[in-house]
N, C-alpha and C. Protein backbone atom coordinates (compact mmCIF):
# COMPACT_ATOMS: atom_id res chain seq x y z
N UNK A 1 17.03 -27.69 56.57
CA UNK A 1 17.23 -26.85 55.50
C UNK A 1 16.78 -26.93 54.22
N UNK A 2 16.60 -25.59 54.04
CA UNK A 2 15.68 -25.36 52.36
C UNK A 2 16.96 -25.49 51.24
N UNK A 3 16.15 -26.02 50.40
CA UNK A 3 17.45 -26.21 48.95
C UNK A 3 17.51 -24.85 48.45
N UNK A 4 18.84 -24.20 47.96
CA UNK A 4 18.35 -23.32 47.00
C UNK A 4 17.66 -23.33 45.97
N UNK A 5 16.87 -22.42 45.56
CA UNK A 5 16.03 -22.82 44.01
C UNK A 5 17.04 -22.62 42.57
N UNK A 6 16.55 -24.13 41.99
CA UNK A 6 17.09 -24.35 41.08
C UNK A 6 17.39 -23.12 40.45
N UNK A 7 18.28 -23.42 39.21
CA UNK A 7 18.68 -22.13 38.10
C UNK A 7 17.46 -22.35 37.22
N UNK A 8 16.95 -21.88 36.50
CA UNK A 8 16.34 -22.39 35.32
C UNK A 8 17.29 -23.14 34.36
N UNK A 9 16.69 -24.01 33.40
CA UNK A 9 17.47 -24.39 32.57
C UNK A 9 17.68 -23.66 31.46
N UNK A 10 18.51 -23.78 30.54
CA UNK A 10 18.42 -22.94 29.32
C UNK A 10 18.54 -23.63 28.15
N UNK A 11 17.85 -23.50 27.24
CA UNK A 11 17.81 -24.41 26.26
C UNK A 11 19.00 -25.09 25.37
N UNK A 12 19.37 -26.02 24.93
CA UNK A 12 20.34 -26.72 24.23
C UNK A 12 20.20 -26.02 23.01
N UNK A 13 21.67 -26.20 22.55
CA UNK A 13 21.85 -25.76 21.17
C UNK A 13 20.75 -26.33 20.06
N UNK A 14 20.49 -27.76 20.19
CA UNK A 14 19.72 -28.38 19.04
C UNK A 14 18.46 -27.38 19.07
N UNK A 15 17.78 -27.54 20.64
CA UNK A 15 16.43 -26.45 20.38
C UNK A 15 16.81 -25.39 19.95
N UNK A 16 17.54 -24.62 20.57
CA UNK A 16 17.56 -23.25 19.76
C UNK A 16 17.48 -22.73 18.52
N UNK A 17 18.65 -24.09 17.83
CA UNK A 17 18.96 -23.76 16.62
C UNK A 17 17.40 -24.32 15.81
N UNK A 18 16.83 -25.49 16.34
CA UNK A 18 15.69 -25.76 15.64
C UNK A 18 14.58 -24.83 15.84
N UNK A 19 14.53 -23.80 16.55
CA UNK A 19 13.36 -22.68 16.73
C UNK A 19 13.76 -21.72 15.62
N UNK A 20 14.96 -21.43 15.30
CA UNK A 20 15.40 -20.76 14.71
C UNK A 20 15.26 -20.88 13.54
N UNK A 21 15.16 -21.82 13.38
CA UNK A 21 15.38 -22.56 11.77
C UNK A 21 13.70 -22.35 11.11
N UNK A 22 12.98 -23.07 12.13
CA UNK A 22 11.42 -22.53 12.02
C UNK A 22 10.57 -20.92 12.02
N UNK A 23 11.13 -20.55 12.13
CA UNK A 23 11.08 -19.02 12.42
C UNK A 23 11.63 -18.28 11.11
N UNK A 24 12.73 -19.05 11.00
CA UNK A 24 13.40 -17.65 10.25
C UNK A 24 13.45 -18.42 9.02
N UNK A 25 13.42 -19.74 8.52
CA UNK A 25 14.06 -20.08 7.65
C UNK A 25 13.73 -19.35 6.40
N UNK A 26 12.89 -18.93 6.14
CA UNK A 26 11.79 -18.80 4.84
C UNK A 26 12.14 -17.52 4.96
N UNK A 27 12.54 -16.38 5.53
CA UNK A 27 13.04 -14.66 5.49
C UNK A 27 14.67 -14.93 5.08
N UNK A 28 15.20 -15.74 5.52
CA UNK A 28 16.48 -15.95 5.64
C UNK A 28 16.94 -16.52 3.96
N UNK A 29 15.94 -17.44 3.49
CA UNK A 29 15.64 -18.01 2.31
C UNK A 29 15.37 -16.78 1.39
N UNK A 30 14.41 -15.86 1.46
CA UNK A 30 14.55 -15.06 0.44
C UNK A 30 15.67 -13.81 0.54
N UNK A 31 16.15 -13.54 1.59
CA UNK A 31 17.39 -12.36 1.56
C UNK A 31 18.56 -13.11 0.74
N UNK A 32 18.71 -14.69 0.73
CA UNK A 32 19.75 -14.98 -0.12
C UNK A 32 19.12 -15.04 -0.98
N UNK A 33 17.97 -15.04 -1.80
CA UNK A 33 17.08 -15.01 -3.17
C UNK A 33 17.38 -13.63 -3.80
N UNK A 34 17.65 -12.50 -2.91
CA UNK A 34 18.17 -11.47 -3.63
C UNK A 34 19.14 -11.25 -3.51
N UNK A 35 20.21 -12.13 -2.87
CA UNK A 35 21.58 -11.60 -3.11
C UNK A 35 22.08 -12.48 -4.12
N UNK A 36 21.72 -14.02 -4.27
CA UNK A 36 22.60 -14.85 -4.96
C UNK A 36 21.25 -15.11 -6.38
N UNK A 37 20.44 -14.23 -6.47
CA UNK A 37 19.69 -14.69 -7.74
C UNK A 37 18.68 -15.90 -7.94
N UNK A 38 18.46 -16.84 -7.26
CA UNK A 38 17.82 -17.94 -7.33
C UNK A 38 17.54 -18.84 -6.18
N UNK A 39 16.40 -19.69 -6.12
CA UNK A 39 15.79 -19.90 -4.99
C UNK A 39 16.29 -20.98 -4.52
N UNK A 40 17.08 -22.05 -5.67
CA UNK A 40 17.81 -23.02 -5.11
C UNK A 40 19.16 -22.96 -4.26
N UNK A 41 20.00 -21.99 -5.33
CA UNK A 41 21.19 -22.01 -4.56
C UNK A 41 21.01 -21.45 -3.00
N UNK A 42 19.71 -20.44 -2.98
CA UNK A 42 19.24 -19.69 -1.93
C UNK A 42 18.92 -20.81 -0.94
N UNK A 43 18.10 -21.80 -0.98
CA UNK A 43 18.34 -22.42 -0.09
C UNK A 43 18.85 -23.77 0.16
N UNK A 44 20.41 -24.04 -0.21
CA UNK A 44 21.45 -24.01 -0.18
C UNK A 44 22.40 -23.39 0.78
N UNK A 45 22.14 -22.25 0.37
CA UNK A 45 22.72 -21.25 1.05
C UNK A 45 22.60 -21.10 2.81
N UNK A 46 21.22 -21.11 2.60
CA UNK A 46 20.49 -21.14 4.34
C UNK A 46 20.73 -22.52 4.86
N UNK A 47 20.58 -23.68 4.25
CA UNK A 47 20.44 -24.98 4.64
C UNK A 47 22.03 -25.32 5.17
N UNK A 48 23.07 -24.74 4.50
CA UNK A 48 24.45 -24.91 4.66
C UNK A 48 24.98 -24.09 5.99
N UNK A 49 24.13 -22.92 5.91
CA UNK A 49 24.36 -22.27 7.31
C UNK A 49 23.85 -23.13 8.48
N UNK A 50 22.85 -23.49 8.21
CA UNK A 50 22.05 -23.90 9.53
C UNK A 50 23.14 -25.40 9.90
N UNK A 51 23.55 -25.98 9.15
CA UNK A 51 24.32 -27.11 9.40
C UNK A 51 25.68 -26.81 9.88
N UNK A 52 25.97 -25.66 9.14
CA UNK A 52 27.64 -25.52 10.20
C UNK A 52 27.38 -24.71 11.19
N UNK A 53 26.52 -24.48 11.71
CA UNK A 53 25.60 -24.28 13.25
C UNK A 53 25.65 -25.26 14.01
N UNK A 54 25.06 -26.46 13.80
CA UNK A 54 24.90 -27.36 14.40
C UNK A 54 26.23 -27.48 15.27
N UNK A 55 25.46 -27.60 16.72
CA UNK A 55 26.57 -28.19 17.81
C UNK A 55 27.00 -27.10 18.17
N UNK A 56 27.15 -25.82 17.71
CA UNK A 56 27.08 -24.23 18.29
C UNK A 56 26.78 -23.76 19.83
N UNK A 57 27.48 -23.21 20.61
CA UNK A 57 26.83 -22.91 21.73
C UNK A 57 25.91 -21.69 21.52
N UNK A 58 24.80 -22.44 22.71
CA UNK A 58 23.64 -21.18 22.04
C UNK A 58 23.79 -19.55 22.25
N UNK A 59 24.58 -19.45 23.16
CA UNK A 59 24.56 -18.03 22.74
C UNK A 59 25.25 -17.35 21.38
N UNK A 60 26.05 -18.07 20.89
CA UNK A 60 25.86 -17.63 19.11
C UNK A 60 24.63 -17.70 18.15
N UNK A 61 23.95 -18.43 18.75
CA UNK A 61 22.60 -18.82 17.82
C UNK A 61 21.58 -17.69 18.33
N UNK A 62 21.73 -16.74 17.52
CA UNK A 62 21.35 -15.56 17.24
C UNK A 62 20.80 -14.73 15.84
N UNK A 63 19.60 -14.04 15.61
CA UNK A 63 19.31 -13.95 14.09
C UNK A 63 20.15 -13.02 13.49
N UNK A 64 20.67 -12.17 14.10
CA UNK A 64 21.60 -11.14 13.67
C UNK A 64 22.74 -12.04 13.33
N UNK A 65 23.41 -13.13 13.39
CA UNK A 65 24.10 -14.10 13.75
C UNK A 65 24.45 -15.06 12.20
N UNK A 66 22.71 -15.04 12.36
CA UNK A 66 22.50 -15.82 11.03
C UNK A 66 22.46 -15.02 10.08
N UNK A 67 21.79 -13.68 10.11
CA UNK A 67 21.99 -12.94 8.56
C UNK A 67 23.19 -12.67 8.31
N UNK A 68 24.11 -12.50 9.25
CA UNK A 68 25.78 -12.45 8.77
C UNK A 68 26.24 -13.42 8.06
N UNK A 69 25.72 -14.77 8.91
CA UNK A 69 25.99 -15.95 8.30
C UNK A 69 25.82 -16.06 6.22
N UNK A 70 24.07 -15.90 6.38
CA UNK A 70 23.78 -15.88 4.90
C UNK A 70 24.35 -14.71 4.13
N UNK A 71 24.61 -13.65 4.69
CA UNK A 71 25.02 -12.98 3.47
C UNK A 71 26.74 -13.61 3.39
N UNK A 72 27.36 -13.65 4.33
CA UNK A 72 28.82 -14.23 3.86
C UNK A 72 28.66 -15.33 2.95
N UNK A 73 27.74 -16.48 3.05
CA UNK A 73 27.57 -17.38 2.35
C UNK A 73 27.07 -17.43 1.04
N UNK A 74 26.62 -16.20 0.90
CA UNK A 74 25.47 -15.64 -0.27
C UNK A 74 26.74 -15.15 -1.14
N UNK A 75 27.98 -14.18 -0.70
CA UNK A 75 28.87 -14.16 -1.15
C UNK A 75 30.02 -15.06 -1.72
N UNK A 76 29.78 -16.00 -1.09
CA UNK A 76 30.95 -17.27 -1.43
C UNK A 76 30.16 -17.99 -2.56
N UNK A 77 29.16 -17.86 -2.77
CA UNK A 77 28.28 -19.07 -3.77
C UNK A 77 28.84 -17.68 -4.90
N UNK A 78 28.52 -16.54 -4.50
CA UNK A 78 29.01 -15.47 -6.00
C UNK A 78 30.20 -15.95 -6.31
N UNK A 79 31.46 -16.00 -5.26
CA UNK A 79 32.84 -15.60 -5.97
C UNK A 79 33.14 -17.22 -6.40
N UNK A 80 32.50 -18.22 -5.66
CA UNK A 80 32.42 -19.32 -6.84
C UNK A 80 32.18 -19.74 -8.42
N UNK A 81 31.10 -18.71 -8.33
CA UNK A 81 30.14 -18.60 -9.69
C UNK A 81 31.64 -18.18 -10.77
N UNK A 82 32.15 -17.26 -10.22
CA UNK A 82 33.98 -16.93 -10.93
C UNK A 82 33.19 -16.03 -12.26
N UNK A 83 34.39 -16.40 -12.97
CA UNK A 83 34.72 -15.74 -14.24
C UNK A 83 33.38 -15.93 -15.36
N UNK A 84 33.05 -17.46 -15.26
CA UNK A 84 31.70 -17.39 -16.22
C UNK A 84 30.65 -16.76 -15.77
N UNK A 85 30.33 -16.89 -14.50
CA UNK A 85 29.27 -16.20 -14.18
C UNK A 85 29.20 -14.81 -14.31
N UNK A 86 30.54 -14.14 -14.34
CA UNK A 86 30.35 -12.65 -15.02
C UNK A 86 29.85 -12.76 -16.24
N UNK A 87 30.62 -13.56 -16.91
CA UNK A 87 30.42 -13.62 -18.58
C UNK A 87 28.74 -13.78 -18.97
N UNK A 88 28.01 -14.41 -18.24
CA UNK A 88 26.76 -14.53 -17.71
C UNK A 88 25.75 -14.26 -17.20
N UNK A 89 26.36 -12.62 -16.59
CA UNK A 89 25.32 -12.03 -15.82
C UNK A 89 24.06 -11.88 -16.16
N UNK A 90 24.05 -11.35 -17.19
CA UNK A 90 23.13 -11.12 -17.96
C UNK A 90 21.98 -11.82 -18.13
N UNK A 91 22.01 -12.91 -18.27
CA UNK A 91 21.30 -14.41 -18.66
C UNK A 91 20.81 -14.55 -17.39
N UNK A 92 21.87 -14.98 -16.09
CA UNK A 92 21.61 -15.31 -14.66
C UNK A 92 20.68 -14.24 -14.05
N UNK A 93 20.86 -12.46 -14.74
CA UNK A 93 19.84 -11.75 -13.80
C UNK A 93 18.19 -12.13 -14.33
N UNK A 94 18.17 -12.71 -15.64
CA UNK A 94 16.86 -12.95 -16.13
C UNK A 94 16.12 -14.39 -15.58
N UNK A 95 17.16 -15.00 -15.07
CA UNK A 95 16.43 -16.32 -14.44
C UNK A 95 15.04 -16.18 -12.96
N UNK A 96 15.52 -15.27 -12.24
CA UNK A 96 14.65 -14.82 -11.42
C UNK A 96 13.60 -14.06 -11.81
N UNK A 97 13.89 -13.35 -12.45
CA UNK A 97 12.44 -12.49 -13.46
C UNK A 97 12.17 -13.55 -14.07
N UNK A 98 12.45 -14.47 -15.03
CA UNK A 98 11.68 -14.86 -16.01
C UNK A 98 10.82 -16.04 -15.48
N UNK A 99 10.71 -16.42 -14.53
CA UNK A 99 10.51 -18.37 -13.76
C UNK A 99 8.86 -17.65 -14.35
N UNK A 100 8.45 -19.00 -14.54
CA UNK A 100 7.05 -18.59 -14.52
C UNK A 100 6.40 -18.37 -13.54
N UNK A 101 6.81 -19.16 -12.25
CA UNK A 101 6.27 -18.76 -10.85
C UNK A 101 5.91 -16.99 -10.35
N UNK A 102 7.97 -16.57 -10.71
CA UNK A 102 7.89 -14.77 -10.85
C UNK A 102 6.95 -14.19 -11.48
N UNK A 103 6.77 -14.54 -12.94
CA UNK A 103 5.93 -13.54 -13.57
C UNK A 103 4.64 -13.72 -13.19
N UNK A 104 4.15 -14.82 -12.40
CA UNK A 104 2.79 -15.26 -12.88
C UNK A 104 2.74 -14.30 -11.01
N UNK A 105 3.50 -13.87 -10.62
CA UNK A 105 3.72 -13.55 -8.70
C UNK A 105 3.96 -11.96 -8.75
N UNK A 106 4.65 -11.56 -9.85
CA UNK A 106 5.16 -9.83 -9.45
C UNK A 106 4.48 -9.35 -11.05
N UNK A 107 4.54 -7.89 -10.42
CA UNK A 107 3.76 -7.15 -11.49
C UNK A 107 5.28 -6.78 -12.43
N UNK A 108 4.91 -6.28 -13.47
CA UNK A 108 6.32 -5.54 -14.20
C UNK A 108 7.02 -5.33 -13.79
N UNK A 109 6.37 -3.99 -13.18
CA UNK A 109 7.54 -3.36 -12.64
C UNK A 109 8.15 -3.73 -11.40
N UNK A 110 7.55 -4.15 -10.59
CA UNK A 110 8.74 -5.08 -9.74
C UNK A 110 9.52 -6.02 -10.78
N UNK A 111 9.42 -6.78 -11.51
CA UNK A 111 10.39 -7.47 -11.86
C UNK A 111 11.32 -6.45 -12.70
N UNK A 112 11.32 -5.27 -13.22
CA UNK A 112 12.12 -4.28 -13.66
C UNK A 112 12.71 -4.15 -12.65
N UNK A 113 12.34 -3.54 -11.01
CA UNK A 113 13.03 -3.58 -10.16
C UNK A 113 14.09 -4.50 -9.72
N UNK A 114 13.76 -6.10 -9.71
CA UNK A 114 14.48 -6.93 -9.45
C UNK A 114 15.74 -7.26 -10.11
N UNK A 115 15.46 -6.77 -11.60
CA UNK A 115 16.30 -6.80 -12.89
C UNK A 115 17.57 -5.69 -12.48
N UNK A 116 17.21 -4.71 -11.93
CA UNK A 116 17.73 -3.40 -12.08
C UNK A 116 18.63 -4.51 -11.10
N UNK A 117 18.14 -4.26 -9.79
CA UNK A 117 18.85 -4.35 -8.33
C UNK A 117 19.92 -5.63 -9.20
N UNK A 118 19.63 -6.80 -9.62
CA UNK A 118 20.63 -7.98 -9.60
C UNK A 118 21.95 -7.76 -10.54
N UNK A 119 21.74 -6.31 -11.18
CA UNK A 119 22.71 -5.92 -12.35
C UNK A 119 23.55 -4.95 -11.35
N UNK A 120 23.19 -4.44 -10.07
CA UNK A 120 24.30 -3.28 -9.35
C UNK A 120 25.39 -4.47 -8.63
N UNK A 121 26.66 -3.75 -8.43
CA UNK A 121 27.79 -4.53 -8.13
C UNK A 121 27.41 -5.03 -6.36
N UNK A 122 28.02 -5.89 -6.30
CA UNK A 122 27.79 -6.86 -5.12
C UNK A 122 26.98 -5.88 -3.53
N UNK A 123 28.53 -5.13 -3.10
CA UNK A 123 28.09 -4.09 -2.09
C UNK A 123 27.01 -3.21 -2.55
N UNK A 124 26.46 -2.77 -3.48
CA UNK A 124 25.35 -1.39 -3.51
C UNK A 124 24.44 -2.77 -3.61
N UNK A 125 23.87 -3.86 -3.85
CA UNK A 125 23.21 -4.50 -3.95
C UNK A 125 22.63 -5.19 -2.22
N UNK A 126 23.92 -5.28 -1.64
CA UNK A 126 23.99 -5.90 -0.22
C UNK A 126 23.10 -4.78 0.79
N UNK A 127 24.06 -3.60 0.24
CA UNK A 127 23.55 -2.43 1.20
C UNK A 127 21.74 -2.21 1.65
N UNK A 128 21.61 -2.42 0.03
CA UNK A 128 19.85 -1.83 -0.50
C UNK A 128 18.82 -2.99 -0.10
N UNK A 129 19.44 -4.14 -0.17
CA UNK A 129 18.62 -5.33 0.41
C UNK A 129 18.34 -5.40 1.90
N UNK A 130 19.49 -5.26 2.47
CA UNK A 130 19.41 -5.28 3.84
C UNK A 130 18.83 -3.53 4.96
N UNK A 131 18.51 -2.46 3.94
CA UNK A 131 18.28 -1.64 4.69
C UNK A 131 16.62 -1.60 3.76
N UNK A 132 16.38 -1.72 2.65
CA UNK A 132 14.87 -2.05 2.33
C UNK A 132 13.94 -3.25 2.27
N UNK A 133 15.02 -4.49 2.58
CA UNK A 133 14.33 -5.91 2.62
C UNK A 133 14.00 -6.02 4.27
N UNK A 134 15.07 -6.06 5.07
CA UNK A 134 14.91 -6.50 6.28
C UNK A 134 14.98 -4.96 7.43
N UNK A 135 14.97 -3.87 6.71
CA UNK A 135 14.49 -2.93 7.25
C UNK A 135 15.80 -2.24 7.82
N UNK A 136 16.84 -2.57 7.94
CA UNK A 136 17.79 -2.74 9.20
C UNK A 136 18.75 -1.15 9.30
N UNK A 137 19.10 -0.85 10.28
CA UNK A 137 19.41 0.47 10.33
C UNK A 137 21.03 0.38 9.80
N UNK A 138 21.83 1.56 9.42
CA UNK A 138 22.77 2.08 9.00
C UNK A 138 23.81 1.23 9.80
N UNK A 139 24.13 1.61 10.93
CA UNK A 139 25.04 0.78 12.28
C UNK A 139 24.61 -0.74 11.66
N UNK A 140 23.47 -1.39 11.82
CA UNK A 140 23.41 -2.84 11.86
C UNK A 140 23.81 -3.15 10.36
N UNK A 141 23.33 -2.22 9.22
CA UNK A 141 24.12 -2.52 7.90
C UNK A 141 25.96 -3.13 8.15
N UNK A 142 26.46 -1.66 8.53
CA UNK A 142 27.90 -1.45 9.10
C UNK A 142 28.44 -2.81 9.07
N UNK A 143 27.58 -3.35 10.51
CA UNK A 143 28.06 -4.51 11.65
C UNK A 143 27.85 -5.74 10.02
N UNK A 144 26.94 -5.91 9.65
CA UNK A 144 27.19 -7.07 9.04
C UNK A 144 27.57 -7.08 7.76
N UNK A 145 28.43 -5.86 7.15
CA UNK A 145 29.01 -5.81 5.99
C UNK A 145 30.48 -5.20 6.34
N UNK A 146 30.44 -5.26 7.58
CA UNK A 146 32.12 -4.63 7.92
C UNK A 146 32.63 -3.81 7.30
N UNK A 147 32.22 -2.88 7.37
CA UNK A 147 32.40 -1.23 6.57
C UNK A 147 31.71 -0.24 7.69
N UNK A 148 32.06 1.18 7.33
CA UNK A 148 31.74 1.69 8.18
C UNK A 148 30.32 2.98 8.18
N UNK A 149 30.37 3.02 8.87
CA UNK A 149 28.44 3.83 8.67
C UNK A 149 28.55 4.75 7.60
N UNK A 150 28.99 5.70 7.67
CA UNK A 150 29.68 6.74 6.38
C UNK A 150 29.49 5.59 4.78
N UNK A 151 30.35 4.78 4.74
CA UNK A 151 30.31 3.95 3.59
C UNK A 151 28.97 3.20 3.47
N UNK A 152 28.25 2.86 4.24
CA UNK A 152 26.72 2.27 4.06
C UNK A 152 25.72 3.42 3.43
N UNK A 153 25.95 4.68 4.04
CA UNK A 153 25.35 5.59 3.72
C UNK A 153 25.71 6.16 2.05
N UNK A 154 26.66 6.16 1.54
CA UNK A 154 27.06 6.71 0.37
C UNK A 154 27.04 5.56 -0.73
N UNK A 155 27.13 4.02 -0.10
CA UNK A 155 26.92 3.27 -1.02
C UNK A 155 25.26 3.00 -1.61
N UNK A 156 24.51 3.31 -0.35
CA UNK A 156 23.04 3.49 -0.72
C UNK A 156 23.00 4.46 -1.47
N UNK A 157 23.17 5.45 -1.27
CA UNK A 157 23.08 6.73 -1.91
C UNK A 157 23.58 6.42 -3.61
N UNK A 158 24.58 6.07 -4.11
CA UNK A 158 25.01 5.81 -5.50
C UNK A 158 23.76 4.54 -5.95
N UNK A 159 23.76 3.28 -4.88
CA UNK A 159 22.89 2.60 -5.45
C UNK A 159 21.35 2.73 -5.91
N UNK A 160 21.01 3.90 -5.06
CA UNK A 160 19.54 4.37 -5.27
C UNK A 160 19.88 5.31 -6.67
N UNK A 161 20.91 6.30 -6.97
CA UNK A 161 21.34 6.93 -8.27
C UNK A 161 21.25 5.90 -9.15
N UNK A 162 21.95 4.82 -9.43
CA UNK A 162 22.44 4.05 -10.39
C UNK A 162 20.79 3.61 -10.80
N UNK A 163 20.10 2.84 -9.95
CA UNK A 163 18.56 2.47 -9.81
C UNK A 163 18.02 3.17 -10.33
N UNK A 164 17.56 4.76 -10.27
CA UNK A 164 17.03 5.28 -10.95
C UNK A 164 17.29 5.73 -12.08
N UNK A 165 18.69 6.16 -12.38
CA UNK A 165 18.77 5.82 -13.75
C UNK A 165 18.69 4.31 -14.93
N UNK A 166 18.75 3.50 -14.23
CA UNK A 166 18.34 1.99 -14.79
C UNK A 166 17.17 2.05 -15.38
N UNK A 167 16.24 2.48 -14.11
CA UNK A 167 14.85 2.33 -14.52
C UNK A 167 13.80 3.48 -15.23
N UNK A 168 15.18 4.20 -15.78
CA UNK A 168 14.03 4.98 -16.90
C UNK A 168 14.22 6.65 -16.21
N UNK A 169 15.01 6.78 -15.12
CA UNK A 169 15.20 8.48 -14.67
C UNK A 169 13.91 8.58 -13.93
N UNK A 170 13.34 7.46 -13.52
CA UNK A 170 11.34 8.07 -12.68
C UNK A 170 11.86 8.30 -11.19
N UNK A 171 11.52 9.33 -10.72
CA UNK A 171 11.66 9.76 -9.33
C UNK A 171 10.91 9.34 -8.33
């Protein structure tokens, strides 16, 4: 008698998580930087997300799930910063823009854009980052932020209008 063909072995959760880490860590840190405003906090957010996913079933470990987890963890960081962070919001917005590394790497107009983006309300900033940085569709953004697609579109429109006003009304 012949043996039935062996089922292909699925990679274990640790292998899947390690592969996701190697392939997407930097992009996830960049996403978190745009949301929380500084690289150190962003790296902590991403590291925390990966550590919380350790031991999860491999089916859960997908890039979309990681993005939503980073988005939610970034929200938590911003909430924990609390009242003191709101009072010092302008100063914190300039940390990312005024760091020597950023000044050396970015042009003046890009710095102005990052500063204006950091002054947007949380939801508007998230929608613009997910749309223009990650190039997600309205449906994907709606799923990640848990709002309706129409809310994504109106939020993006309001955010773009506000950015245009803040950047001197340039079209």
